[in-house]
Amino acid sequence: MLGNVWEWTSDWYEKKHYEGSPERDPPGAASSQHRVARGGMWWYVGPRGVTVTNRYSGMPDDRDDGIGVRCVGELDLP
């Protein structure tokens, strides 16, 4: 699904936050004015446009046809 639209995350954006955070499952910044979106979008050309490590920062109320959310939930299988 990468490369379709940028996907909003629940993380707050801090430009250099990951330089001092744990390598595995790092928590997001505690607060910021911007939220993190990941993944890239359909017109973002090149390999960098299709990776979850690609981050974009935007105001939480940004609206655009190239940014969205991914709905997830638990599946209860027998």
N, C-alpha and C. Protein backbone atom coordinates (compact mmCIF):
# COMPACT_ATOMS: atom_id res chain seq x y z
N MET A 1 0.81 -1.20 0.00
CA MET A 1 0.00 0.00 0.00
C MET A 1 0.86 1.26 0.00
N LEU A 2 2.17 1.10 0.17
CA LEU A 2 3.04 2.27 0.16
C LEU A 2 3.00 2.97 -1.19
N GLY A 3 3.11 4.29 -1.15
CA GLY A 3 3.14 5.05 -2.38
C GLY A 3 1.78 5.53 -2.84
N ASN A 4 0.71 5.09 -2.20
CA ASN A 4 -0.63 5.52 -2.58
C ASN A 4 -0.88 6.95 -2.09
N VAL A 5 -0.86 7.14 -0.79
CA VAL A 5 -0.94 8.48 -0.17
C VAL A 5 -0.06 8.48 1.07
N TRP A 6 0.37 9.67 1.51
CA TRP A 6 1.02 9.79 2.80
C TRP A 6 0.03 9.31 3.86
N GLU A 7 0.52 8.65 4.90
CA GLU A 7 -0.36 8.15 5.96
C GLU A 7 -0.04 8.86 7.27
N TRP A 8 -1.05 9.53 7.84
CA TRP A 8 -0.88 10.17 9.13
C TRP A 8 -0.55 9.11 10.17
N THR A 9 0.32 9.45 11.12
CA THR A 9 0.57 8.58 12.27
C THR A 9 0.17 9.34 13.53
N SER A 10 0.25 8.70 14.66
CA SER A 10 -0.08 9.38 15.91
C SER A 10 1.15 10.07 16.51
N ASP A 11 2.31 9.96 15.85
CA ASP A 11 3.54 10.58 16.36
C ASP A 11 3.59 12.08 16.10
N TRP A 12 4.15 12.80 17.07
CA TRP A 12 4.47 14.20 16.89
C TRP A 12 5.82 14.29 16.20
N TYR A 13 6.02 15.32 15.37
CA TYR A 13 7.25 15.46 14.59
C TYR A 13 8.30 16.30 15.30
N GLU A 14 9.51 15.79 15.34
CA GLU A 14 10.68 16.53 15.81
C GLU A 14 11.81 16.13 14.87
N LYS A 15 12.38 17.08 14.17
CA LYS A 15 13.34 16.80 13.09
C LYS A 15 14.44 15.83 13.49
N LYS A 16 15.10 16.03 14.61
CA LYS A 16 16.25 15.20 14.99
C LYS A 16 15.91 14.21 16.12
N HIS A 17 14.65 13.93 16.32
CA HIS A 17 14.22 13.07 17.42
C HIS A 17 14.87 11.69 17.39
N TYR A 18 14.98 11.07 16.23
CA TYR A 18 15.46 9.70 16.15
C TYR A 18 16.97 9.57 16.27
N GLU A 19 17.72 10.67 16.30
CA GLU A 19 19.17 10.60 16.48
C GLU A 19 19.54 10.08 17.87
N GLY A 20 18.70 10.31 18.87
CA GLY A 20 19.00 9.85 20.22
C GLY A 20 18.01 8.85 20.77
N SER A 21 17.15 8.30 19.93
CA SER A 21 16.13 7.36 20.41
C SER A 21 16.56 5.91 20.17
N PRO A 22 15.91 4.95 20.81
CA PRO A 22 16.25 3.54 20.59
C PRO A 22 16.08 3.15 19.13
N GLU A 23 16.91 2.24 18.66
CA GLU A 23 16.84 1.81 17.26
C GLU A 23 15.58 0.98 17.00
N ARG A 24 15.18 0.19 17.98
CA ARG A 24 14.01 -0.68 17.80
C ARG A 24 12.78 -0.08 18.46
N ASP A 25 11.72 0.07 17.71
CA ASP A 25 10.44 0.60 18.17
C ASP A 25 10.59 1.91 18.97
N PRO A 26 11.20 2.93 18.36
CA PRO A 26 11.38 4.19 19.10
C PRO A 26 10.06 4.91 19.31
N PRO A 27 9.91 5.52 20.48
CA PRO A 27 8.69 6.30 20.70
C PRO A 27 8.78 7.61 19.93
N GLY A 28 7.66 8.20 19.62
CA GLY A 28 7.65 9.49 18.96
C GLY A 28 7.98 10.61 19.94
N ALA A 29 8.14 11.81 19.42
CA ALA A 29 8.38 12.97 20.27
C ALA A 29 7.20 13.17 21.22
N ALA A 30 7.47 13.76 22.37
CA ALA A 30 6.42 13.97 23.38
C ALA A 30 5.37 14.97 22.91
N SER A 31 5.79 16.00 22.17
CA SER A 31 4.85 17.00 21.67
C SER A 31 5.51 17.82 20.57
N SER A 32 4.70 18.51 19.80
CA SER A 32 5.18 19.35 18.70
C SER A 32 3.97 20.07 18.11
N GLN A 33 4.21 20.96 17.18
CA GLN A 33 3.11 21.58 16.45
C GLN A 33 2.75 20.76 15.23
N HIS A 34 3.63 19.84 14.82
CA HIS A 34 3.43 19.05 13.61
C HIS A 34 3.28 17.57 13.92
N ARG A 35 2.52 16.88 13.09
CA ARG A 35 2.36 15.43 13.16
C ARG A 35 3.22 14.79 12.06
N VAL A 36 3.48 13.50 12.22
CA VAL A 36 4.26 12.74 11.24
C VAL A 36 3.32 12.02 10.28
N ALA A 37 3.62 12.11 9.00
CA ALA A 37 2.99 11.27 7.99
C ALA A 37 4.11 10.45 7.37
N ARG A 38 3.82 9.23 7.00
CA ARG A 38 4.84 8.33 6.44
C ARG A 38 4.42 7.75 5.11
N GLY A 39 5.43 7.32 4.34
CA GLY A 39 5.21 6.48 3.18
C GLY A 39 5.30 7.11 1.81
N GLY A 40 5.00 8.36 1.65
CA GLY A 40 5.00 8.95 0.32
C GLY A 40 3.64 8.86 -0.34
N MET A 41 3.56 9.33 -1.57
CA MET A 41 2.28 9.32 -2.27
C MET A 41 2.47 8.98 -3.73
N TRP A 42 1.39 8.82 -4.46
CA TRP A 42 1.42 8.29 -5.81
C TRP A 42 2.28 9.09 -6.77
N TRP A 43 2.42 10.40 -6.61
CA TRP A 43 3.25 11.16 -7.56
C TRP A 43 4.66 11.39 -7.07
N TYR A 44 5.00 10.90 -5.86
CA TYR A 44 6.33 11.06 -5.30
C TYR A 44 7.24 10.03 -5.95
N VAL A 45 8.03 10.46 -6.92
CA VAL A 45 8.80 9.55 -7.77
C VAL A 45 10.08 9.07 -7.09
N GLY A 46 10.45 7.83 -7.34
CA GLY A 46 11.71 7.27 -6.85
C GLY A 46 11.53 6.32 -5.70
N PRO A 47 12.59 5.55 -5.37
CA PRO A 47 12.51 4.55 -4.31
C PRO A 47 12.17 5.15 -2.95
N ARG A 48 12.59 6.38 -2.70
CA ARG A 48 12.30 7.00 -1.41
C ARG A 48 10.81 7.23 -1.21
N GLY A 49 10.08 7.25 -2.28
CA GLY A 49 8.64 7.48 -2.20
C GLY A 49 7.84 6.27 -1.79
N VAL A 50 8.49 5.13 -1.64
CA VAL A 50 7.76 3.90 -1.29
C VAL A 50 8.41 3.18 -0.12
N THR A 51 8.71 3.92 0.93
CA THR A 51 9.29 3.32 2.13
C THR A 51 8.67 3.90 3.39
N VAL A 52 8.46 3.06 4.40
CA VAL A 52 7.86 3.54 5.65
C VAL A 52 8.79 4.46 6.43
N THR A 53 10.08 4.46 6.10
CA THR A 53 11.02 5.34 6.79
C THR A 53 10.95 6.77 6.26
N ASN A 54 10.25 7.00 5.17
CA ASN A 54 10.09 8.33 4.62
C ASN A 54 9.10 9.10 5.49
N ARG A 55 9.54 10.23 6.07
CA ARG A 55 8.68 11.00 6.97
C ARG A 55 8.39 12.37 6.39
N TYR A 56 7.21 12.85 6.66
CA TYR A 56 6.75 14.19 6.27
C TYR A 56 6.16 14.81 7.52
N SER A 57 6.38 16.11 7.71
CA SER A 57 5.74 16.76 8.85
C SER A 57 4.68 17.71 8.35
N GLY A 58 3.56 17.70 9.01
CA GLY A 58 2.46 18.59 8.62
C GLY A 58 1.63 19.00 9.82
N MET A 59 0.93 20.08 9.65
CA MET A 59 0.02 20.53 10.70
C MET A 59 -1.11 19.50 10.82
N PRO A 60 -1.55 19.21 12.03
CA PRO A 60 -2.58 18.18 12.21
C PRO A 60 -3.87 18.42 11.43
N ASP A 61 -4.15 19.65 11.06
CA ASP A 61 -5.39 19.91 10.31
C ASP A 61 -5.15 20.02 8.80
N ASP A 62 -3.95 19.65 8.31
CA ASP A 62 -3.70 19.65 6.85
C ASP A 62 -4.67 18.70 6.16
N ARG A 63 -5.21 19.13 5.04
CA ARG A 63 -6.10 18.29 4.22
C ARG A 63 -5.61 18.36 2.78
N ASP A 64 -5.55 17.21 2.12
CA ASP A 64 -5.01 17.14 0.77
C ASP A 64 -5.42 15.80 0.17
N ASP A 65 -5.45 15.70 -1.15
CA ASP A 65 -5.80 14.41 -1.76
C ASP A 65 -4.63 13.43 -1.74
N GLY A 66 -3.47 13.85 -1.23
CA GLY A 66 -2.32 12.96 -1.15
C GLY A 66 -1.98 12.52 0.25
N ILE A 67 -2.89 12.72 1.20
CA ILE A 67 -2.62 12.31 2.58
C ILE A 67 -3.89 11.70 3.18
N GLY A 68 -3.69 10.64 3.97
CA GLY A 68 -4.86 9.97 4.53
C GLY A 68 -4.49 9.16 5.76
N VAL A 69 -5.31 8.20 6.08
CA VAL A 69 -5.10 7.33 7.24
C VAL A 69 -5.30 5.89 6.78
N ARG A 70 -4.74 4.98 7.54
CA ARG A 70 -4.98 3.57 7.31
C ARG A 70 -5.77 3.04 8.49
N CYS A 71 -6.91 2.48 8.23
CA CYS A 71 -7.75 1.93 9.31
C CYS A 71 -7.29 0.51 9.61
N VAL A 72 -7.09 0.23 10.87
CA VAL A 72 -6.68 -1.10 11.29
C VAL A 72 -7.57 -1.59 12.41
N GLY A 73 -7.61 -2.85 12.59
CA GLY A 73 -8.40 -3.43 13.65
C GLY A 73 -8.00 -4.86 13.87
N GLU A 74 -8.51 -5.44 14.92
CA GLU A 74 -8.20 -6.83 15.22
C GLU A 74 -9.21 -7.74 14.56
N LEU A 75 -8.74 -8.85 14.09
CA LEU A 75 -9.59 -9.84 13.46
C LEU A 75 -9.68 -11.04 14.40
N ASP A 76 -10.88 -11.39 14.80
CA ASP A 76 -11.09 -12.47 15.74
C ASP A 76 -11.37 -13.76 14.95
N LEU A 77 -10.33 -14.57 14.78
CA LEU A 77 -10.47 -15.84 14.05
C LEU A 77 -10.57 -16.99 15.03
N PRO A 78 -11.32 -18.01 14.65
CA PRO A 78 -11.43 -19.18 15.54
C PRO A 78 -10.13 -19.95 15.63
